[in-house]
Amino acid sequence: MDHTAHTSAAKTDAAHHRTRHGHPEPAARGGRAHSHGPASWGTAAKATLHCLTGCAIGEILGMVIGTALMWGNVPTMILAIALAFVFGYSFTLFAVRRAGLDFKTAVKVALAADTVSIGVMELVDNGVIALVPGAMDAHLSDGLFWSALLGGFAVAFLVTTPVNKWMIGRGKGHAVVHAYH
């Protein structure tokens, strides 16, 4: 077997061992993950879309609940942001659990993979909503509510994608999850 094939087989065996036995990648253990060079825009966009999906579900649910219960802006946004993190983490958590990781390790991987991405996304998205005049006081039946929310998601996607690209290229963020797919 030539050196390239041997190295590839060794990497596959090591990845299989980590996945089957619940050992996280170095970044999930708090160490440094190895950089694999710059990430592609497609990979970064997929990671961001994955994150955005969880964030959007949680945030919309939080906004709907808070608005329906006639809560004020601050408690509604706190609930929406909290649910965005819960749903964002849960998507990754379920995926790595299906790959065979134990719960504790899966939580560590989800936190390492998604915290920065969700944080940037929520900061940008909620910043956009806060800056749109009248959006904070709009009701669920108002077009302004939905256009500000969806517009915030679009801007958050555009801002977070380069962040994810940079992190993945350094073996961090969603790169931690890629070993388990």
N, C-alpha and C. Protein backbone atom coordinates (compact mmCIF):
# COMPACT_ATOMS: atom_id res chain seq x y z
N MET A 1 0.86 -1.17 0.00
CA MET A 1 0.00 0.00 0.00
C MET A 1 0.90 1.23 0.00
N ASP A 2 0.62 2.21 -0.87
CA ASP A 2 1.46 3.41 -0.90
C ASP A 2 1.16 4.30 0.30
N HIS A 3 2.01 5.31 0.53
CA HIS A 3 1.91 6.18 1.70
C HIS A 3 0.57 6.92 1.74
N THR A 4 0.10 7.41 0.62
CA THR A 4 -1.16 8.16 0.57
C THR A 4 -2.33 7.28 0.98
N ALA A 5 -2.40 6.09 0.44
CA ALA A 5 -3.49 5.17 0.77
C ALA A 5 -3.41 4.76 2.25
N HIS A 6 -2.18 4.53 2.75
CA HIS A 6 -2.00 4.16 4.14
C HIS A 6 -2.45 5.29 5.07
N THR A 7 -2.06 6.52 4.75
CA THR A 7 -2.44 7.68 5.56
C THR A 7 -3.95 7.87 5.55
N SER A 8 -4.57 7.74 4.37
CA SER A 8 -6.01 7.88 4.25
C SER A 8 -6.73 6.81 5.07
N ALA A 9 -6.25 5.58 4.99
CA ALA A 9 -6.86 4.48 5.75
C ALA A 9 -6.71 4.72 7.24
N ALA A 10 -5.58 5.22 7.67
CA ALA A 10 -5.35 5.49 9.09
C ALA A 10 -6.29 6.59 9.57
N LYS A 11 -6.49 7.63 8.76
CA LYS A 11 -7.40 8.70 9.14
C LYS A 11 -8.83 8.19 9.23
N THR A 12 -9.23 7.35 8.30
CA THR A 12 -10.57 6.78 8.31
C THR A 12 -10.77 5.92 9.55
N ASP A 13 -9.77 5.08 9.88
CA ASP A 13 -9.86 4.24 11.07
C ASP A 13 -9.95 5.09 12.33
N ALA A 14 -9.17 6.16 12.41
CA ALA A 14 -9.18 7.03 13.59
C ALA A 14 -10.53 7.73 13.71
N ALA A 15 -11.08 8.22 12.61
CA ALA A 15 -12.38 8.88 12.64
C ALA A 15 -13.47 7.90 13.05
N HIS A 16 -13.39 6.67 12.53
CA HIS A 16 -14.36 5.64 12.89
C HIS A 16 -14.27 5.33 14.38
N HIS A 17 -13.05 5.22 14.91
CA HIS A 17 -12.87 4.94 16.32
C HIS A 17 -13.46 6.06 17.18
N ARG A 18 -13.18 7.32 16.81
CA ARG A 18 -13.71 8.46 17.57
C ARG A 18 -15.23 8.45 17.55
N THR A 19 -15.80 8.22 16.40
CA THR A 19 -17.25 8.25 16.27
C THR A 19 -17.89 7.10 17.05
N ARG A 20 -17.39 5.91 16.90
CA ARG A 20 -17.99 4.74 17.54
C ARG A 20 -17.78 4.74 19.05
N HIS A 21 -16.70 5.35 19.52
CA HIS A 21 -16.39 5.30 20.94
C HIS A 21 -16.62 6.61 21.65
N GLY A 22 -17.23 7.60 20.97
CA GLY A 22 -17.65 8.83 21.60
C GLY A 22 -16.54 9.79 21.93
N HIS A 23 -15.39 9.69 21.29
CA HIS A 23 -14.30 10.62 21.54
C HIS A 23 -14.42 11.80 20.61
N PRO A 24 -14.50 13.01 21.17
CA PRO A 24 -14.65 14.18 20.31
C PRO A 24 -13.36 14.55 19.60
N GLU A 25 -13.52 15.36 18.59
CA GLU A 25 -12.36 15.92 17.91
C GLU A 25 -11.63 16.84 18.87
N PRO A 26 -10.38 17.21 18.59
CA PRO A 26 -9.61 18.04 19.51
C PRO A 26 -10.31 19.33 19.92
N ALA A 27 -10.97 20.01 18.99
CA ALA A 27 -11.62 21.28 19.33
C ALA A 27 -12.74 21.06 20.34
N ALA A 28 -13.45 19.95 20.25
CA ALA A 28 -14.54 19.67 21.18
C ALA A 28 -14.01 19.34 22.57
N ARG A 29 -12.75 18.87 22.65
CA ARG A 29 -12.14 18.59 23.95
C ARG A 29 -11.47 19.82 24.52
N GLY A 30 -11.52 20.94 23.81
CA GLY A 30 -10.91 22.15 24.29
C GLY A 30 -9.53 22.38 23.69
N GLY A 31 -9.06 21.47 22.88
CA GLY A 31 -7.76 21.62 22.24
C GLY A 31 -7.90 22.27 20.88
N ARG A 32 -6.83 22.28 20.13
CA ARG A 32 -6.86 22.88 18.80
C ARG A 32 -7.19 21.82 17.76
N ALA A 33 -8.08 22.16 16.87
CA ALA A 33 -8.34 21.29 15.73
C ALA A 33 -7.36 21.69 14.65
N HIS A 34 -7.01 20.76 13.82
CA HIS A 34 -6.08 21.04 12.74
C HIS A 34 -6.79 21.74 11.60
N SER A 35 -6.14 22.73 11.04
CA SER A 35 -6.72 23.45 9.92
C SER A 35 -6.57 22.62 8.66
N HIS A 36 -7.57 22.63 7.84
CA HIS A 36 -7.52 21.91 6.58
C HIS A 36 -7.47 22.89 5.42
N GLY A 37 -7.04 24.11 5.69
CA GLY A 37 -7.00 25.12 4.65
C GLY A 37 -8.31 25.86 4.59
N PRO A 38 -8.40 26.80 3.68
CA PRO A 38 -9.62 27.61 3.61
C PRO A 38 -10.84 26.77 3.25
N ALA A 39 -11.95 27.08 3.90
CA ALA A 39 -13.20 26.40 3.61
C ALA A 39 -13.83 27.02 2.37
N SER A 40 -14.64 26.23 1.68
CA SER A 40 -15.33 26.77 0.51
C SER A 40 -16.53 27.60 0.97
N TRP A 41 -16.97 28.50 0.09
CA TRP A 41 -18.15 29.29 0.38
C TRP A 41 -19.37 28.39 0.49
N GLY A 42 -19.42 27.33 -0.31
CA GLY A 42 -20.55 26.40 -0.25
C GLY A 42 -20.66 25.72 1.10
N THR A 43 -19.52 25.28 1.63
CA THR A 43 -19.50 24.65 2.95
C THR A 43 -19.94 25.64 4.02
N ALA A 44 -19.43 26.86 3.93
CA ALA A 44 -19.81 27.90 4.90
C ALA A 44 -21.29 28.22 4.80
N ALA A 45 -21.81 28.31 3.59
CA ALA A 45 -23.24 28.61 3.41
C ALA A 45 -24.11 27.49 3.96
N LYS A 46 -23.71 26.24 3.75
CA LYS A 46 -24.48 25.11 4.29
C LYS A 46 -24.49 25.14 5.81
N ALA A 47 -23.31 25.41 6.41
CA ALA A 47 -23.22 25.49 7.86
C ALA A 47 -24.10 26.62 8.39
N THR A 48 -24.06 27.75 7.71
CA THR A 48 -24.85 28.90 8.14
C THR A 48 -26.35 28.63 7.97
N LEU A 49 -26.73 27.99 6.88
CA LEU A 49 -28.13 27.66 6.66
C LEU A 49 -28.63 26.68 7.73
N HIS A 50 -27.78 25.71 8.08
CA HIS A 50 -28.12 24.76 9.14
C HIS A 50 -28.40 25.51 10.44
N CYS A 51 -27.51 26.44 10.75
CA CYS A 51 -27.63 27.24 11.96
C CYS A 51 -28.86 28.15 11.89
N LEU A 52 -29.04 28.77 10.75
CA LEU A 52 -30.17 29.69 10.55
C LEU A 52 -31.50 28.97 10.71
N THR A 53 -31.58 27.75 10.26
CA THR A 53 -32.84 26.99 10.37
C THR A 53 -33.24 26.83 11.83
N GLY A 54 -32.31 26.37 12.65
CA GLY A 54 -32.61 26.21 14.07
C GLY A 54 -32.92 27.54 14.73
N CYS A 55 -32.12 28.56 14.41
CA CYS A 55 -32.34 29.90 14.98
C CYS A 55 -33.70 30.45 14.59
N ALA A 56 -34.06 30.30 13.33
CA ALA A 56 -35.33 30.84 12.85
C ALA A 56 -36.51 30.17 13.53
N ILE A 57 -36.45 28.86 13.65
CA ILE A 57 -37.56 28.15 14.32
C ILE A 57 -37.70 28.65 15.75
N GLY A 58 -36.59 28.69 16.47
CA GLY A 58 -36.64 29.12 17.86
C GLY A 58 -37.06 30.57 18.01
N GLU A 59 -36.50 31.42 17.17
CA GLU A 59 -36.80 32.84 17.29
C GLU A 59 -38.25 33.15 16.92
N ILE A 60 -38.73 32.56 15.84
CA ILE A 60 -40.13 32.79 15.45
C ILE A 60 -41.07 32.26 16.54
N LEU A 61 -40.78 31.09 17.05
CA LEU A 61 -41.61 30.53 18.11
C LEU A 61 -41.61 31.45 19.33
N GLY A 62 -40.44 31.96 19.71
CA GLY A 62 -40.36 32.87 20.85
C GLY A 62 -41.12 34.16 20.61
N MET A 63 -40.99 34.71 19.39
CA MET A 63 -41.71 35.94 19.07
C MET A 63 -43.23 35.71 19.08
N VAL A 64 -43.66 34.60 18.53
CA VAL A 64 -45.09 34.28 18.51
C VAL A 64 -45.62 34.10 19.92
N ILE A 65 -44.90 33.34 20.75
CA ILE A 65 -45.35 33.11 22.13
C ILE A 65 -45.41 34.43 22.90
N GLY A 66 -44.31 35.19 22.85
CA GLY A 66 -44.26 36.45 23.58
C GLY A 66 -45.32 37.44 23.12
N THR A 67 -45.52 37.52 21.81
CA THR A 67 -46.53 38.44 21.27
C THR A 67 -47.93 37.97 21.64
N ALA A 68 -48.18 36.67 21.52
CA ALA A 68 -49.51 36.12 21.84
C ALA A 68 -49.84 36.31 23.32
N LEU A 69 -48.83 36.24 24.19
CA LEU A 69 -49.05 36.43 25.63
C LEU A 69 -48.99 37.90 26.03
N MET A 70 -48.83 38.77 25.01
CA MET A 70 -48.76 40.22 25.21
C MET A 70 -47.64 40.64 26.17
N TRP A 71 -46.53 39.94 26.07
CA TRP A 71 -45.35 40.32 26.84
C TRP A 71 -44.76 41.58 26.24
N GLY A 72 -43.92 42.23 26.98
CA GLY A 72 -43.20 43.38 26.47
C GLY A 72 -42.08 42.95 25.52
N ASN A 73 -41.43 43.94 24.92
CA ASN A 73 -40.38 43.66 23.95
C ASN A 73 -39.20 42.90 24.55
N VAL A 74 -38.74 43.31 25.71
CA VAL A 74 -37.55 42.69 26.30
C VAL A 74 -37.78 41.23 26.65
N PRO A 75 -38.85 40.87 27.39
CA PRO A 75 -39.04 39.45 27.68
C PRO A 75 -39.29 38.61 26.42
N THR A 76 -39.97 39.19 25.45
CA THR A 76 -40.22 38.46 24.19
C THR A 76 -38.90 38.19 23.47
N MET A 77 -38.03 39.19 23.40
CA MET A 77 -36.73 38.98 22.73
C MET A 77 -35.87 38.00 23.50
N ILE A 78 -35.89 38.05 24.81
CA ILE A 78 -35.11 37.10 25.61
C ILE A 78 -35.58 35.68 25.34
N LEU A 79 -36.90 35.48 25.32
CA LEU A 79 -37.43 34.15 25.02
C LEU A 79 -37.05 33.72 23.61
N ALA A 80 -37.18 34.62 22.65
CA ALA A 80 -36.86 34.30 21.25
C ALA A 80 -35.39 33.93 21.09
N ILE A 81 -34.51 34.68 21.71
CA ILE A 81 -33.07 34.39 21.62
C ILE A 81 -32.74 33.07 22.32
N ALA A 82 -33.32 32.86 23.49
CA ALA A 82 -33.08 31.60 24.22
C ALA A 82 -33.54 30.40 23.38
N LEU A 83 -34.73 30.51 22.78
CA LEU A 83 -35.23 29.40 21.95
C LEU A 83 -34.40 29.24 20.68
N ALA A 84 -33.86 30.33 20.14
CA ALA A 84 -32.99 30.23 18.97
C ALA A 84 -31.76 29.40 19.31
N PHE A 85 -31.16 29.63 20.46
CA PHE A 85 -30.01 28.83 20.88
C PHE A 85 -30.41 27.38 21.12
N VAL A 86 -31.54 27.16 21.79
CA VAL A 86 -32.00 25.79 22.07
C VAL A 86 -32.20 25.02 20.77
N PHE A 87 -32.94 25.59 19.83
CA PHE A 87 -33.20 24.90 18.57
C PHE A 87 -31.94 24.79 17.73
N GLY A 88 -31.12 25.84 17.71
CA GLY A 88 -29.86 25.79 16.95
C GLY A 88 -28.95 24.68 17.45
N TYR A 89 -28.77 24.59 18.77
CA TYR A 89 -27.95 23.52 19.34
C TYR A 89 -28.58 22.15 19.11
N SER A 90 -29.92 22.07 19.23
CA SER A 90 -30.57 20.77 19.14
C SER A 90 -30.40 20.12 17.77
N PHE A 91 -30.38 20.92 16.70
CA PHE A 91 -30.17 20.34 15.37
C PHE A 91 -28.84 19.61 15.30
N THR A 92 -27.79 20.24 15.81
CA THR A 92 -26.47 19.62 15.80
C THR A 92 -26.43 18.45 16.79
N LEU A 93 -27.01 18.64 17.95
CA LEU A 93 -27.02 17.60 18.97
C LEU A 93 -27.64 16.32 18.44
N PHE A 94 -28.80 16.43 17.81
CA PHE A 94 -29.46 15.23 17.28
C PHE A 94 -28.64 14.58 16.18
N ALA A 95 -28.01 15.39 15.34
CA ALA A 95 -27.21 14.83 14.24
C ALA A 95 -26.01 14.05 14.76
N VAL A 96 -25.31 14.58 15.74
CA VAL A 96 -24.13 13.86 16.24
C VAL A 96 -24.51 12.70 17.14
N ARG A 97 -25.67 12.76 17.76
CA ARG A 97 -26.16 11.60 18.52
C ARG A 97 -26.47 10.44 17.56
N ARG A 98 -27.08 10.79 16.40
CA ARG A 98 -27.36 9.75 15.40
C ARG A 98 -26.06 9.13 14.88
N ALA A 99 -24.97 9.89 14.92
CA ALA A 99 -23.68 9.39 14.45
C ALA A 99 -23.02 8.50 15.50
N GLY A 100 -23.63 8.39 16.68
CA GLY A 100 -23.12 7.46 17.67
C GLY A 100 -22.46 8.08 18.89
N LEU A 101 -22.45 9.39 19.02
CA LEU A 101 -21.82 10.01 20.19
C LEU A 101 -22.72 9.90 21.41
N ASP A 102 -22.09 9.74 22.57
CA ASP A 102 -22.86 9.76 23.81
C ASP A 102 -23.36 11.18 24.05
N PHE A 103 -24.34 11.32 24.95
CA PHE A 103 -25.00 12.62 25.13
C PHE A 103 -24.03 13.71 25.58
N LYS A 104 -23.19 13.43 26.56
CA LYS A 104 -22.27 14.44 27.09
C LYS A 104 -21.31 14.93 26.00
N THR A 105 -20.77 14.02 25.23
CA THR A 105 -19.86 14.40 24.15
C THR A 105 -20.61 15.16 23.06
N ALA A 106 -21.83 14.73 22.76
CA ALA A 106 -22.64 15.40 21.74
C ALA A 106 -22.94 16.85 22.14
N VAL A 107 -23.20 17.08 23.42
CA VAL A 107 -23.44 18.44 23.90
C VAL A 107 -22.19 19.29 23.70
N LYS A 108 -21.02 18.73 24.04
CA LYS A 108 -19.76 19.47 23.86
C LYS A 108 -19.52 19.81 22.40
N VAL A 109 -19.81 18.87 21.51
CA VAL A 109 -19.63 19.11 20.07
C VAL A 109 -20.59 20.19 19.60
N ALA A 110 -21.85 20.12 20.02
CA ALA A 110 -22.83 21.13 19.61
C ALA A 110 -22.44 22.52 20.10
N LEU A 111 -21.98 22.61 21.33
CA LEU A 111 -21.55 23.91 21.87
C LEU A 111 -20.35 24.45 21.09
N ALA A 112 -19.39 23.59 20.81
CA ALA A 112 -18.19 24.02 20.07
C ALA A 112 -18.55 24.40 18.64
N ALA A 113 -19.48 23.69 18.05
CA ALA A 113 -19.82 23.91 16.65
C ALA A 113 -20.67 25.15 16.43
N ASP A 114 -21.58 25.44 17.34
CA ASP A 114 -22.63 26.41 17.05
C ASP A 114 -22.62 27.71 17.84
N THR A 115 -21.91 27.79 18.93
CA THR A 115 -22.03 28.96 19.80
C THR A 115 -21.72 30.27 19.08
N VAL A 116 -20.59 30.36 18.40
CA VAL A 116 -20.23 31.61 17.73
C VAL A 116 -21.21 31.91 16.60
N SER A 117 -21.54 30.90 15.81
CA SER A 117 -22.45 31.09 14.69
C SER A 117 -23.82 31.59 15.15
N ILE A 118 -24.38 30.94 16.15
CA ILE A 118 -25.69 31.36 16.66
C ILE A 118 -25.58 32.74 17.30
N GLY A 119 -24.53 32.98 18.04
CA GLY A 119 -24.35 34.28 18.69
C GLY A 119 -24.30 35.43 17.69
N VAL A 120 -23.50 35.26 16.64
CA VAL A 120 -23.41 36.30 15.60
C VAL A 120 -24.75 36.47 14.92
N MET A 121 -25.38 35.34 14.60
CA MET A 121 -26.67 35.40 13.91
C MET A 121 -27.72 36.12 14.75
N GLU A 122 -27.79 35.83 16.02
CA GLU A 122 -28.78 36.46 16.89
C GLU A 122 -28.48 37.94 17.11
N LEU A 123 -27.22 38.27 17.25
CA LEU A 123 -26.83 39.67 17.42
C LEU A 123 -27.24 40.49 16.20
N VAL A 124 -26.93 39.99 15.01
CA VAL A 124 -27.26 40.71 13.78
C VAL A 124 -28.76 40.75 13.55
N ASP A 125 -29.40 39.60 13.65
CA ASP A 125 -30.84 39.53 13.39
C ASP A 125 -31.62 40.45 14.32
N ASN A 126 -31.35 40.36 15.60
CA ASN A 126 -32.08 41.19 16.55
C ASN A 126 -31.69 42.65 16.45
N GLY A 127 -30.46 42.92 16.05
CA GLY A 127 -30.05 44.30 15.80
C GLY A 127 -30.84 44.91 14.66
N VAL A 128 -31.04 44.14 13.60
CA VAL A 128 -31.83 44.63 12.46
C VAL A 128 -33.27 44.90 12.91
N ILE A 129 -33.86 43.98 13.64
CA ILE A 129 -35.23 44.15 14.11
C ILE A 129 -35.34 45.40 14.99
N ALA A 130 -34.37 45.58 15.88
CA ALA A 130 -34.39 46.74 16.78
C ALA A 130 -34.23 48.05 16.02
N LEU A 131 -33.52 48.02 14.89
CA LEU A 131 -33.28 49.25 14.13
C LEU A 131 -34.40 49.62 13.16
N VAL A 132 -35.26 48.67 12.82
CA VAL A 132 -36.37 48.96 11.90
C VAL A 132 -37.45 49.70 12.68
N PRO A 133 -37.74 50.92 12.31
CA PRO A 133 -38.75 51.70 13.05
C PRO A 133 -40.09 50.98 13.10
N GLY A 134 -40.61 50.83 14.31
CA GLY A 134 -41.92 50.23 14.52
C GLY A 134 -41.92 48.71 14.58
N ALA A 135 -40.83 48.05 14.22
CA ALA A 135 -40.82 46.58 14.17
C ALA A 135 -41.00 45.96 15.55
N MET A 136 -40.43 46.58 16.57
CA MET A 136 -40.54 46.04 17.92
C MET A 136 -41.97 46.10 18.46
N ASP A 137 -42.75 46.98 17.94
CA ASP A 137 -44.13 47.13 18.42
C ASP A 137 -45.16 46.54 17.45
N ALA A 138 -44.69 45.96 16.36
CA ALA A 138 -45.61 45.37 15.37
C ALA A 138 -46.23 44.09 15.92
N HIS A 139 -47.41 43.79 15.45
CA HIS A 139 -48.12 42.57 15.87
C HIS A 139 -47.90 41.46 14.85
N LEU A 140 -48.25 40.25 15.24
CA LEU A 140 -48.08 39.09 14.35
C LEU A 140 -48.82 39.26 13.03
N SER A 141 -49.88 39.99 13.04
CA SER A 141 -50.67 40.17 11.82
C SER A 141 -50.14 41.30 10.94
N ASP A 142 -49.12 42.01 11.39
CA ASP A 142 -48.55 43.12 10.62
C ASP A 142 -47.44 42.64 9.68
N GLY A 143 -47.50 43.13 8.47
CA GLY A 143 -46.44 42.81 7.50
C GLY A 143 -45.08 43.30 7.98
N LEU A 144 -45.07 44.41 8.72
CA LEU A 144 -43.81 44.95 9.23
C LEU A 144 -43.12 43.96 10.16
N PHE A 145 -43.89 43.27 10.99
CA PHE A 145 -43.33 42.26 11.89
C PHE A 145 -42.56 41.21 11.09
N TRP A 146 -43.23 40.64 10.10
CA TRP A 146 -42.64 39.55 9.32
C TRP A 146 -41.53 40.03 8.40
N SER A 147 -41.67 41.21 7.80
CA SER A 147 -40.61 41.69 6.91
C SER A 147 -39.35 42.04 7.69
N ALA A 148 -39.50 42.62 8.88
CA ALA A 148 -38.33 42.92 9.71
C ALA A 148 -37.66 41.63 10.18
N LEU A 149 -38.46 40.66 10.59
CA LEU A 149 -37.91 39.39 11.06
C LEU A 149 -37.19 38.65 9.94
N LEU A 150 -37.84 38.52 8.79
CA LEU A 150 -37.21 37.81 7.67
C LEU A 150 -36.03 38.59 7.10
N GLY A 151 -36.15 39.91 7.06
CA GLY A 151 -35.02 40.74 6.62
C GLY A 151 -33.83 40.60 7.56
N GLY A 152 -34.12 40.52 8.85
CA GLY A 152 -33.05 40.31 9.83
C GLY A 152 -32.36 38.98 9.62
N PHE A 153 -33.14 37.93 9.31
CA PHE A 153 -32.54 36.62 9.02
C PHE A 153 -31.64 36.69 7.78
N ALA A 154 -32.09 37.39 6.76
CA ALA A 154 -31.30 37.50 5.53
C ALA A 154 -29.97 38.22 5.78
N VAL A 155 -30.02 39.32 6.52
CA VAL A 155 -28.79 40.05 6.83
C VAL A 155 -27.89 39.20 7.72
N ALA A 156 -28.48 38.50 8.69
CA ALA A 156 -27.70 37.63 9.58
C ALA A 156 -27.00 36.53 8.79
N PHE A 157 -27.70 35.96 7.80
CA PHE A 157 -27.08 34.93 6.96
C PHE A 157 -25.87 35.50 6.22
N LEU A 158 -26.02 36.70 5.66
CA LEU A 158 -24.92 37.31 4.89
C LEU A 158 -23.73 37.66 5.78
N VAL A 159 -23.98 38.04 7.01
CA VAL A 159 -22.89 38.39 7.92
C VAL A 159 -22.25 37.13 8.53
N THR A 160 -23.05 36.13 8.83
CA THR A 160 -22.55 34.94 9.53
C THR A 160 -21.81 33.98 8.59
N THR A 161 -22.16 33.94 7.32
CA THR A 161 -21.49 33.02 6.39
C THR A 161 -19.97 33.24 6.35
N PRO A 162 -19.47 34.48 6.19
CA PRO A 162 -18.01 34.65 6.21
C PRO A 162 -17.38 34.28 7.56
N VAL A 163 -18.11 34.50 8.65
CA VAL A 163 -17.61 34.10 9.97
C VAL A 163 -17.45 32.58 10.01
N ASN A 164 -18.46 31.86 9.54
CA ASN A 164 -18.37 30.39 9.51
C ASN A 164 -17.27 29.92 8.57
N LYS A 165 -17.11 30.57 7.44
CA LYS A 165 -16.06 30.21 6.49
C LYS A 165 -14.69 30.33 7.16
N TRP A 166 -14.48 31.42 7.86
CA TRP A 166 -13.22 31.66 8.54
C TRP A 166 -12.98 30.60 9.63
N MET A 167 -14.03 30.30 10.41
CA MET A 167 -13.89 29.33 11.50
C MET A 167 -13.66 27.92 10.97
N ILE A 168 -14.42 27.51 9.96
CA ILE A 168 -14.28 26.16 9.40
C ILE A 168 -12.88 25.99 8.83
N GLY A 169 -12.36 27.02 8.16
CA GLY A 169 -11.02 26.97 7.60
C GLY A 169 -9.93 26.79 8.65
N ARG A 170 -10.25 27.09 9.90
CA ARG A 170 -9.31 26.94 11.00
C ARG A 170 -9.63 25.73 11.87
N GLY A 171 -10.55 24.88 11.38
CA GLY A 171 -10.88 23.66 12.11
C GLY A 171 -11.79 23.89 13.30
N LYS A 172 -12.49 25.02 13.33
CA LYS A 172 -13.36 25.34 14.46
C LYS A 172 -14.80 25.46 13.96
N GLY A 173 -15.72 25.76 14.89
CA GLY A 173 -17.12 25.92 14.51
C GLY A 173 -17.68 24.63 13.92
N HIS A 174 -18.32 24.75 12.79
CA HIS A 174 -18.96 23.57 12.17
C HIS A 174 -17.96 22.53 11.69
N ALA A 175 -16.69 22.87 11.61
CA ALA A 175 -15.67 21.88 11.24
C ALA A 175 -15.61 20.76 12.27
N VAL A 176 -15.95 21.07 13.52
CA VAL A 176 -15.94 20.07 14.59
C VAL A 176 -16.98 18.99 14.30
N VAL A 177 -18.10 19.38 13.69
CA VAL A 177 -19.18 18.44 13.40
C VAL A 177 -18.87 17.56 12.21
N HIS A 178 -18.11 18.07 11.25
CA HIS A 178 -17.86 17.35 10.00
C HIS A 178 -17.24 15.98 10.21
N ALA A 179 -16.51 15.78 11.29
CA ALA A 179 -15.92 14.47 11.56
C ALA A 179 -16.98 13.41 11.84
N TYR A 180 -18.19 13.84 12.15
CA TYR A 180 -19.24 12.89 12.55
C TYR A 180 -20.31 12.69 11.48
N HIS A 181 -20.14 13.30 10.34
CA HIS A 181 -21.12 13.13 9.25
C HIS A 181 -20.71 12.01 8.34
